[in-house]
Amino acid sequence: MHKALPLATSRREFLQHTGRTAAASALVAGLAVPRVHAAEDSTIQVALVGCGGRGTGAASNALSVPNGQTKLVAMADVFEHKLNSSHKNLLRFGDKFDVPEDRKFLGFDSYKKAMDCLKPGDIVISATPPAFRWMHFAYAISKGLNVFMEKPVTVDGPTTRKMIALAEQADQKNLKVGVGLMVRHCRGRQQLLQRIQDGEIGDLIALRGYRMGGGGGMTGPKPDNMSEVMYQIQRFHSFLWASGGVYSDYYIHQIDECSWIKGAWPVKAHATGGRHYRGNNVDQNLDSYGVEYTYPDGTKLFYYGRQMPGCYNEFASFAHGTKGAAVISTSAHTPGKVRTYKGHNMTDDELLWAFPQPEPNPYQLEWDDLIDAIRQDKPYNEAKRGAEASLVTSLGRMAAHVGRVVTYDEILNSDHEFAPDVDQLTADGPAPLQLQDDGKYPSPMPGVKSKREY
């Protein structure tokens, strides 16, 4: 049994009691569930599900909201060392951190135990590998919880359809949902968007994005002392079912920010990709990707991804217009150092505008905005948009993996769900991906496997 949490304020209790009563009545009457939100004078309790680096970072941001009155009260993971490491890291928040040993939960059902410590109107952070996102979201909705979920939120067409349906359910309950595409909360990028919409660089004619690094997502064979399921979850960047691979988990940010600047989602993708110096690596990723995304008006986004040691690295995105160009990301996600130019060479003598430095951190801003929406009861649900961003990212990945042009509608309506039984996984049970007779995992074979990615 977990320790009971401190009682809420009387106003908080009133809101929760009336919310539960009305919810029960609504279920009986078939009506919409009334709003559930935190009162201005109450503490918003937080549970962390997924205690890796990103989850720990998100929890840190949640506890750092100015005047946020937030408190972390429960944590969950399937790896004990991650749970303990994150717990130790977050102790620095003092009285904002209240997670005793009996509210540290381990195992595949730990997400439920952590959420069960919360009350309607509190927040759960879902920062596990993306494959588990929809099941966590569904349980949070059933508990009346606000949600912050890391990106990507889906890895294929079927999970995208699930997430869009869940987003509608969250809206019906007036739940607030944040998705970790923090660049959209960057004040500099917001100003850049407005300047582009106002015509500062003319009509957009093309966008470019790059993320090139030294070898993310590569992994060797499974160690003998670990089950197949736990191995694949631990190395989730290496397996498409768990994360959408490096393409989805790494590249989504720039594909999303470019589409945001464009004001549309791509309708199709044409792509190439290859595997080069594999050694004993057994992951499903390609080492390099080159993707041409097409927007509804024919404008292109050219995206380049590469994970190969010893090569030229770049982590940036750009917009080109009929009168000039813009930097959307300079190097990584923050600081953006966004700027506009009167030409396409983007040299100092062509500079039109640059956002003042230093700039606020968008990882913190996305939490400031979410807590403000909860406190002020503003409409706030990024789940559908996050699902769409995840889908168009998967669109480019699929085009490279199958070796042909793929449309938005095709991948959205695809029946290839990578891990349909993810909600039934156990540590020792069968993994969603099985080794082939040759001792290797199924991998993309463009032109050979042209219907499915593997």
Protein backbone atom coordinates (compact mmCIF):
# COMPACT_ATOMS: atom_id res chain seq x y z
CA MET A 1 0.00 0.00 0.00
CA HIS A 2 1.27 3.48 -0.75
CA LYS A 3 1.24 6.25 1.83
CA ALA A 4 -1.77 8.53 1.73
CA LEU A 5 -1.05 12.00 0.46
CA PRO A 6 -1.82 15.17 2.45
CA LEU A 7 -5.40 16.35 2.24
CA ALA A 8 -6.14 19.04 -0.30
CA THR A 9 -7.52 22.45 0.61
CA SER A 10 -11.23 22.71 1.16
CA ARG A 11 -11.71 24.44 -2.19
CA ARG A 12 -9.72 21.70 -3.91
CA GLU A 13 -11.81 19.03 -2.20
CA PHE A 14 -14.98 20.78 -3.26
CA LEU A 15 -13.88 20.89 -6.89
CA GLN A 16 -12.90 17.23 -6.83
CA HIS A 17 -16.06 16.08 -5.07
CA THR A 18 -18.36 17.95 -7.42
CA GLY A 19 -16.31 16.73 -10.39
CA ARG A 20 -16.64 13.09 -9.32
CA THR A 21 -20.36 13.43 -8.62
CA ALA A 22 -21.02 15.16 -11.91
CA ALA A 23 -18.86 12.65 -13.76
CA ALA A 24 -20.90 9.78 -12.39
CA SER A 25 -24.13 11.54 -13.33
CA ALA A 26 -22.82 12.27 -16.80
CA LEU A 27 -21.92 8.66 -17.38
CA VAL A 28 -25.42 7.65 -16.42
CA ALA A 29 -27.06 10.36 -18.49
CA GLY A 30 -24.66 10.10 -21.43
CA LEU A 31 -23.71 13.77 -21.05
CA ALA A 32 -20.29 15.44 -21.34
CA VAL A 33 -18.20 15.29 -18.18
CA PRO A 34 -17.94 18.72 -16.52
CA ARG A 35 -14.67 20.58 -16.19
CA VAL A 36 -12.04 19.50 -13.70
CA HIS A 37 -9.21 21.91 -12.97
CA ALA A 38 -6.93 22.93 -10.13
CA ALA A 39 -7.95 25.86 -7.99
CA GLU A 40 -5.67 28.87 -7.83
CA ASP A 41 -4.91 28.29 -4.13
CA SER A 42 -4.17 24.56 -4.32
CA THR A 43 -1.02 22.57 -4.95
CA ILE A 44 -0.94 20.68 -8.22
CA GLN A 45 0.47 17.24 -7.57
CA VAL A 46 2.62 15.58 -10.21
CA ALA A 47 3.52 11.95 -10.96
CA LEU A 48 6.46 11.01 -13.17
CA VAL A 49 6.11 7.92 -15.36
CA GLY A 50 9.39 7.21 -17.13
CA CYS A 51 12.42 8.30 -15.12
CA GLY A 52 15.10 8.61 -17.78
CA GLY A 53 16.88 11.83 -18.64
CA ARG A 54 13.97 13.44 -20.47
CA GLY A 55 11.47 12.48 -17.79
CA THR A 56 13.71 13.80 -15.05
CA GLY A 57 14.16 17.01 -17.02
CA ALA A 58 10.41 17.40 -17.47
CA ALA A 59 9.84 16.86 -13.75
CA SER A 60 12.49 19.49 -13.00
CA ASN A 61 10.68 21.96 -15.25
CA ALA A 62 7.34 21.12 -13.62
CA LEU A 63 8.77 21.93 -10.20
CA SER A 64 10.42 25.14 -11.47
CA VAL A 65 7.30 26.93 -12.73
CA PRO A 66 7.31 30.40 -11.12
CA ASN A 67 4.66 30.42 -8.39
CA GLY A 68 3.47 27.11 -9.80
CA GLN A 69 2.66 25.46 -6.45
CA THR A 70 3.61 22.08 -7.83
CA LYS A 71 4.80 19.02 -5.95
CA LEU A 72 6.12 15.69 -7.24
CA VAL A 73 4.48 12.90 -5.25
CA ALA A 74 5.00 9.64 -7.17
CA MET A 75 7.44 8.05 -9.64
CA ALA A 76 7.33 4.95 -11.84
CA ASP A 77 9.63 3.07 -14.20
CA VAL A 78 10.44 -0.47 -15.31
CA PHE A 79 14.15 -0.04 -14.52
CA GLU A 80 15.08 0.29 -10.86
CA HIS A 81 18.37 2.06 -11.54
CA LYS A 82 16.62 4.78 -13.54
CA LEU A 83 13.98 5.20 -10.86
CA ASN A 84 16.61 5.55 -8.12
CA SER A 85 18.87 7.84 -10.13
CA SER A 86 16.02 10.18 -11.00
CA HIS A 87 14.79 10.15 -7.41
CA LYS A 88 18.23 11.16 -6.17
CA ASN A 89 18.49 13.91 -8.78
CA LEU A 90 15.13 15.45 -7.86
CA LEU A 91 15.74 15.54 -4.11
CA ARG A 92 17.24 18.99 -4.67
CA PHE A 93 13.74 20.45 -4.94
CA GLY A 94 13.23 20.15 -1.18
CA ASP A 95 9.63 20.49 -0.05
CA LYS A 96 8.42 20.41 -3.68
CA PHE A 97 9.58 16.77 -3.76
CA ASP A 98 7.59 14.30 -1.69
CA VAL A 99 8.27 10.80 -3.00
CA PRO A 100 8.93 8.36 -0.15
CA GLU A 101 9.92 4.77 -0.88
CA ASP A 102 6.32 3.56 -0.91
CA ARG A 103 5.48 5.95 -3.75
CA LYS A 104 8.31 4.72 -5.96
CA PHE A 105 6.75 2.12 -8.25
CA LEU A 106 8.51 -0.46 -10.39
CA GLY A 107 7.14 -2.66 -13.15
CA PHE A 108 4.85 -2.66 -16.17
CA ASP A 109 1.80 -1.67 -14.11
CA SER A 110 3.70 1.00 -12.19
CA TYR A 111 2.17 3.79 -14.29
CA LYS A 112 -1.25 2.96 -12.86
CA LYS A 113 0.04 2.94 -9.29
CA ALA A 114 1.71 6.32 -9.76
CA MET A 115 -1.42 7.87 -11.29
CA ASP A 116 -3.55 6.36 -8.53
CA CYS A 117 -1.68 8.64 -6.10
CA LEU A 118 -3.11 11.69 -7.83
CA LYS A 119 -6.46 13.44 -7.72
CA PRO A 120 -8.50 14.78 -10.64
CA GLY A 121 -6.88 17.96 -11.88
CA ASP A 122 -3.33 16.87 -11.03
CA ILE A 123 -0.69 16.12 -13.71
CA VAL A 124 1.02 12.97 -14.90
CA ILE A 125 4.21 13.14 -16.95
CA SER A 126 4.46 10.36 -19.54
CA ALA A 127 8.11 10.15 -20.57
CA THR A 128 8.60 6.46 -21.31
CA PRO A 129 9.45 5.20 -24.80
CA PRO A 130 6.69 6.42 -27.17
CA ALA A 131 5.14 2.98 -27.69
CA PHE A 132 3.50 3.25 -24.27
CA ARG A 133 2.13 6.75 -24.72
CA TRP A 134 -1.42 5.90 -25.78
CA MET A 135 -2.02 3.48 -22.90
CA HIS A 136 -0.75 6.00 -20.34
CA PHE A 137 -2.91 8.72 -21.90
CA ALA A 138 -5.98 6.51 -21.81
CA TYR A 139 -5.52 5.73 -18.11
CA ALA A 140 -4.87 9.38 -17.28
CA ILE A 141 -8.11 10.39 -19.01
CA SER A 142 -10.02 7.77 -17.04
CA LYS A 143 -8.61 9.31 -13.83
CA GLY A 144 -9.40 12.90 -14.81
CA LEU A 145 -5.72 13.87 -14.91
CA ASN A 146 -4.01 16.58 -16.89
CA VAL A 147 -1.09 15.23 -18.91
CA PHE A 148 2.33 16.21 -20.12
CA MET A 149 3.63 13.69 -22.64
CA GLU A 150 6.98 13.61 -24.35
CA LYS A 151 7.31 13.43 -28.11
CA PRO A 152 6.82 11.53 -30.31
CA VAL A 153 3.39 10.45 -29.13
CA THR A 154 2.84 7.83 -31.85
CA VAL A 155 5.04 5.64 -34.03
CA ASP A 156 2.66 4.42 -36.77
CA GLY A 157 -0.77 4.95 -38.33
CA PRO A 158 -2.86 2.84 -35.94
CA THR A 159 -1.40 4.44 -32.80
CA THR A 160 -1.94 7.87 -34.36
CA ARG A 161 -5.62 7.09 -34.84
CA LYS A 162 -5.81 5.95 -31.21
CA MET A 163 -4.14 9.12 -29.99
CA ILE A 164 -6.43 11.42 -32.00
CA ALA A 165 -9.47 9.65 -30.55
CA LEU A 166 -8.03 9.98 -27.04
CA ALA A 167 -7.36 13.69 -27.64
CA GLU A 168 -11.08 14.12 -28.32
CA GLN A 169 -11.90 12.32 -25.06
CA ALA A 170 -9.53 14.62 -23.17
CA ASP A 171 -11.32 17.62 -24.71
CA GLN A 172 -14.67 16.28 -23.56
CA LYS A 173 -13.31 16.25 -19.99
CA ASN A 174 -11.62 19.64 -20.39
CA LEU A 175 -8.27 18.12 -19.50
CA LYS A 176 -5.13 20.09 -20.28
CA VAL A 177 -2.53 18.23 -22.34
CA GLY A 178 0.99 19.36 -23.16
CA VAL A 179 3.27 17.65 -25.68
CA GLY A 180 7.04 18.04 -25.57
CA LEU A 181 7.43 19.92 -28.84
CA MET A 182 8.79 22.80 -26.83
CA VAL A 183 10.05 24.82 -29.81
CA ARG A 184 6.47 26.03 -30.41
CA HIS A 185 6.65 27.68 -26.97
CA CYS A 186 9.92 29.47 -27.77
CA ARG A 187 9.23 33.21 -27.69
CA GLY A 188 11.84 33.87 -30.38
CA ARG A 189 10.34 31.33 -32.78
CA GLN A 190 6.89 32.75 -32.08
CA GLN A 191 8.12 36.18 -33.12
CA LEU A 192 9.82 34.67 -36.16
CA LEU A 193 6.56 33.02 -37.20
CA GLN A 194 4.74 36.34 -36.96
CA ARG A 195 7.42 38.11 -39.02
CA ILE A 196 7.24 35.46 -41.73
CA GLN A 197 3.45 35.64 -41.76
CA ASP A 198 3.76 39.42 -42.08
CA GLY A 199 5.85 38.94 -45.24
CA GLU A 200 9.31 39.86 -43.96
CA ILE A 201 11.01 37.27 -46.19
CA GLY A 202 8.24 37.09 -48.80
CA ASP A 203 6.27 33.99 -49.71
CA LEU A 204 7.84 30.73 -48.50
CA ILE A 205 9.34 28.73 -51.34
CA ALA A 206 11.30 26.04 -49.46
CA LEU A 207 12.38 24.82 -46.03
CA ARG A 208 15.43 22.83 -44.93
CA GLY A 209 16.18 20.77 -41.82
CA TYR A 210 19.27 18.90 -40.64
CA ARG A 211 20.13 16.63 -37.74
CA MET A 212 23.43 14.90 -38.22
CA GLY A 213 25.29 13.29 -35.34
CA GLY A 214 27.76 10.63 -34.39
CA GLY A 215 25.75 7.42 -34.22
CA GLY A 216 22.61 7.57 -32.09
CA GLY A 217 20.39 4.50 -31.95
CA MET A 218 23.07 1.93 -32.75
CA THR A 219 23.17 -1.11 -30.52
CA GLY A 220 24.89 -4.46 -30.41
CA PRO A 221 23.38 -7.89 -29.61
CA LYS A 222 21.34 -8.47 -26.46
CA PRO A 223 23.35 -9.24 -23.30
CA ASP A 224 22.75 -12.67 -21.80
CA ASN A 225 21.61 -11.25 -18.44
CA MET A 226 18.57 -9.38 -19.83
CA SER A 227 15.24 -10.48 -21.25
CA GLU A 228 14.39 -9.59 -24.85
CA VAL A 229 11.59 -7.25 -23.77
CA MET A 230 13.73 -5.35 -21.29
CA TYR A 231 16.60 -5.14 -23.77
CA GLN A 232 14.40 -3.64 -26.46
CA ILE A 233 12.85 -1.14 -24.05
CA GLN A 234 16.24 -0.14 -22.69
CA ARG A 235 17.57 0.41 -26.23
CA PHE A 236 14.31 1.89 -27.46
CA HIS A 237 15.95 4.20 -30.02
CA SER A 238 17.13 1.06 -31.80
CA PHE A 239 13.71 -0.50 -32.38
CA LEU A 240 10.89 0.92 -34.47
CA TRP A 241 8.07 -0.48 -32.33
CA ALA A 242 9.38 1.24 -29.20
CA SER A 243 10.26 4.68 -30.54
CA GLY A 244 9.84 4.93 -34.28
CA GLY A 245 13.63 4.68 -34.31
CA VAL A 246 16.11 7.52 -34.44
CA TYR A 247 14.13 9.11 -37.27
CA SER A 248 10.99 9.63 -35.19
CA ASP A 249 12.57 10.28 -31.82
CA TYR A 250 15.33 12.63 -33.01
CA TYR A 251 14.00 14.26 -36.16
CA ILE A 252 10.46 15.15 -35.11
CA HIS A 253 11.43 18.54 -33.72
CA GLN A 254 12.69 20.06 -36.93
CA ILE A 255 10.00 18.48 -39.07
CA ASP A 256 7.42 19.91 -36.66
CA GLU A 257 8.96 23.37 -36.40
CA CYS A 258 9.30 23.69 -40.18
CA SER A 259 5.69 22.61 -40.67
CA TRP A 260 4.59 25.08 -37.99
CA ILE A 261 6.39 27.90 -39.79
CA LYS A 262 4.82 26.74 -43.06
CA GLY A 263 1.36 26.52 -41.47
CA ALA A 264 0.58 23.08 -42.92
CA TRP A 265 1.36 19.40 -42.68
CA PRO A 266 3.05 17.57 -45.57
CA VAL A 267 0.73 15.51 -47.77
CA LYS A 268 3.40 13.14 -49.09
CA ALA A 269 7.06 12.19 -48.80
CA HIS A 270 9.69 10.88 -51.19
CA ALA A 271 12.87 9.62 -49.52
CA THR A 272 16.11 7.73 -49.66
CA GLY A 273 18.13 6.09 -46.90
CA GLY A 274 20.93 3.62 -46.39
CA ARG A 275 22.81 1.41 -43.98
CA HIS A 276 26.59 1.60 -44.17
CA TYR A 277 29.11 0.63 -41.49
CA ARG A 278 27.00 -1.66 -39.36
CA GLY A 279 29.61 -3.86 -37.65
CA ASN A 280 27.82 -5.90 -35.00
CA ASN A 281 24.96 -3.42 -34.64
CA VAL A 282 21.54 -5.05 -34.80
CA ASP A 283 19.23 -2.02 -34.59
CA GLN A 284 16.57 -1.28 -37.22
CA ASN A 285 17.72 2.25 -38.08
CA LEU A 286 19.14 3.39 -41.36
CA ASP A 287 22.32 5.43 -40.98
CA SER A 288 21.30 8.24 -43.32
CA TYR A 289 18.03 9.70 -44.54
CA GLY A 290 17.20 12.26 -47.22
CA VAL A 291 13.53 13.22 -47.43
CA GLU A 292 11.54 15.52 -49.68
CA TYR A 293 8.29 16.44 -47.99
CA THR A 294 5.58 18.12 -50.08
CA TYR A 295 3.01 20.52 -48.60
CA PRO A 296 -0.49 20.98 -50.06
CA ASP A 297 0.57 23.96 -52.20
CA GLY A 298 3.60 22.10 -53.60
CA THR A 299 6.21 23.80 -51.38
CA LYS A 300 8.98 21.44 -50.26
CA LEU A 301 10.71 20.67 -46.98
CA PHE A 302 14.08 19.01 -47.55
CA TYR A 303 15.13 17.04 -44.49
CA TYR A 304 18.51 15.38 -43.96
CA GLY A 305 19.33 13.03 -41.11
CA ARG A 306 22.53 11.11 -40.52
CA GLN A 307 23.97 9.19 -37.57
CA MET A 308 27.50 8.24 -38.56
CA PRO A 309 30.74 8.87 -36.62
CA GLY A 310 33.41 10.97 -38.30
CA CYS A 311 31.09 12.89 -40.63
CA TYR A 312 30.13 16.55 -40.80
CA ASN A 313 27.48 17.32 -38.17
CA GLU A 314 24.68 19.86 -38.37
CA PHE A 315 21.60 20.49 -36.24
CA ALA A 316 19.63 23.38 -37.73
CA SER A 317 16.63 24.40 -39.83
CA PHE A 318 15.94 27.21 -42.29
CA ALA A 319 13.14 28.86 -44.26
CA HIS A 320 13.54 30.47 -47.70
CA GLY A 321 11.18 33.07 -49.11
CA THR A 322 10.86 35.14 -52.25
CA LYS A 323 12.52 38.14 -50.54
CA GLY A 324 14.95 36.51 -48.12
CA ALA A 325 15.60 33.69 -45.65
CA ALA A 326 15.29 32.82 -41.96
CA VAL A 327 17.04 30.68 -39.38
CA ILE A 328 14.50 28.62 -37.41
CA SER A 329 17.05 26.69 -35.34
CA THR A 330 20.73 27.49 -35.05
CA SER A 331 22.28 24.52 -33.28
CA ALA A 332 20.09 22.07 -31.35
CA HIS A 333 16.84 23.27 -29.81
CA THR A 334 17.93 26.10 -27.53
CA PRO A 335 18.93 28.82 -27.81
CA GLY A 336 17.21 29.18 -31.18
CA LYS A 337 18.95 32.46 -32.06
CA VAL A 338 16.33 32.99 -34.76
CA ARG A 339 16.96 35.68 -37.35
CA THR A 340 15.90 36.88 -40.76
CA TYR A 341 17.95 37.95 -43.77
CA LYS A 342 17.29 39.96 -46.93
CA GLY A 343 19.13 37.34 -49.01
CA HIS A 344 19.71 33.59 -49.10
CA ASN A 345 23.41 33.59 -48.24
CA MET A 346 22.45 34.54 -44.66
CA THR A 347 25.58 36.62 -44.07
CA ASP A 348 25.97 39.36 -41.48
CA ASP A 349 25.58 42.11 -44.04
CA GLU A 350 22.18 40.69 -45.05
CA LEU A 351 20.79 40.51 -41.47
CA LEU A 352 17.32 42.03 -41.02
CA TRP A 353 16.37 40.97 -37.48
CA ALA A 354 17.60 38.75 -34.65
CA PHE A 355 15.83 37.80 -31.42
CA PRO A 356 17.62 39.37 -28.42
CA GLN A 357 19.89 37.15 -26.34
CA PRO A 358 19.85 35.53 -23.88
CA GLU A 359 16.45 33.99 -24.58
CA PRO A 360 14.09 32.07 -22.26
CA ASN A 361 14.41 28.27 -22.26
CA PRO A 362 11.51 26.68 -24.18
CA TYR A 363 11.69 23.53 -22.04
CA GLN A 364 10.62 25.70 -19.11
CA LEU A 365 8.21 27.83 -21.12
CA GLU A 366 6.13 24.84 -22.20
CA TRP A 367 5.58 24.02 -18.53
CA ASP A 368 4.86 27.62 -17.59
CA ASP A 369 2.20 27.68 -20.32
CA LEU A 370 0.66 24.34 -19.27
CA ILE A 371 0.40 25.29 -15.59
CA ASP A 372 -1.06 28.66 -16.53
CA ALA A 373 -3.72 26.93 -18.64
CA ILE A 374 -4.62 24.65 -15.72
CA ARG A 375 -4.77 27.53 -13.24
CA GLN A 376 -6.77 29.79 -15.54
CA ASP A 377 -8.85 26.98 -17.06
CA LYS A 378 -7.86 27.92 -20.61
CA PRO A 379 -8.47 25.54 -23.52
CA TYR A 380 -5.18 23.65 -23.87
CA ASN A 381 -4.78 20.32 -25.60
CA GLU A 382 -1.73 19.65 -27.77
CA ALA A 383 -2.39 15.91 -28.15
CA LYS A 384 -3.92 15.97 -31.64
CA ARG A 385 -1.25 18.29 -32.96
CA GLY A 386 1.41 16.11 -31.34
CA ALA A 387 -0.09 13.04 -32.99
CA GLU A 388 -0.08 14.76 -36.38
CA ALA A 389 3.54 15.87 -35.93
CA SER A 390 4.45 12.30 -35.00
CA LEU A 391 2.60 10.95 -38.04
CA VAL A 392 4.26 13.25 -40.58
CA THR A 393 7.62 12.33 -39.07
CA SER A 394 6.76 8.66 -39.50
CA LEU A 395 5.64 9.52 -43.04
CA GLY A 396 9.19 10.45 -44.06
CA ARG A 397 10.64 7.45 -42.26
CA MET A 398 8.22 5.07 -43.97
CA ALA A 399 8.96 6.54 -47.41
CA ALA A 400 12.66 5.84 -46.90
CA HIS A 401 12.04 2.38 -45.48
CA VAL A 402 9.75 1.15 -48.25
CA GLY A 403 11.48 2.94 -51.13
CA ARG A 404 8.53 4.77 -52.68
CA VAL A 405 6.38 7.86 -52.32
CA VAL A 406 4.03 7.58 -49.35
CA THR A 407 1.07 9.88 -48.69
CA TYR A 408 -0.25 11.24 -45.41
CA ASP A 409 -3.54 9.40 -45.91
CA GLU A 410 -1.79 6.12 -46.62
CA ILE A 411 0.23 6.05 -43.42
CA LEU A 412 -2.66 7.36 -41.33
CA ASN A 413 -4.87 4.51 -42.56
CA SER A 414 -2.16 1.85 -42.51
CA ASP A 415 -2.95 -1.38 -40.65
CA HIS A 416 0.67 -2.02 -39.63
CA GLU A 417 0.66 -1.43 -35.87
CA PHE A 418 4.19 -2.16 -34.67
CA ALA A 419 3.23 -3.33 -31.16
CA PRO A 420 -0.52 -4.01 -30.94
CA ASP A 421 -0.20 -5.82 -27.60
CA VAL A 422 2.05 -3.28 -25.88
CA ASP A 423 -0.46 -2.94 -23.05
CA GLN A 424 0.01 -6.62 -22.25
CA LEU A 425 3.81 -6.74 -22.16
CA THR A 426 5.60 -8.39 -19.26
CA ALA A 427 9.29 -8.37 -18.43
CA ASP A 428 9.74 -12.01 -19.40
CA GLY A 429 7.08 -12.29 -22.07
CA PRO A 430 7.58 -12.27 -25.82
CA ALA A 431 8.92 -9.02 -27.27
CA PRO A 432 7.09 -7.16 -30.05
CA LEU A 433 10.09 -7.76 -32.30
CA GLN A 434 11.53 -11.26 -32.70
CA LEU A 435 14.92 -12.38 -33.99
CA GLN A 436 14.88 -14.04 -37.40
CA ASP A 437 16.43 -17.41 -38.14
CA ASP A 438 19.64 -15.65 -39.22
CA GLY A 439 20.04 -14.15 -35.75
CA LYS A 440 19.12 -10.63 -36.89
CA TYR A 441 16.06 -8.48 -36.36
CA PRO A 442 13.79 -7.63 -39.30
CA SER A 443 15.02 -4.39 -40.85
CA PRO A 444 13.81 -2.07 -43.62
CA MET A 445 14.55 -3.32 -47.13
CA PRO A 446 13.52 -0.53 -49.54
CA GLY A 447 12.18 -1.92 -52.80
CA VAL A 448 11.99 -5.46 -51.41
CA LYS A 449 9.61 -4.84 -48.53
CA SER A 450 7.57 -2.12 -50.18
CA LYS A 451 4.28 -2.41 -48.27
CA ARG A 452 5.53 -2.44 -44.67
CA GLU A 453 8.58 -0.98 -43.01
CA TYR A 454 9.79 -4.40 -41.81
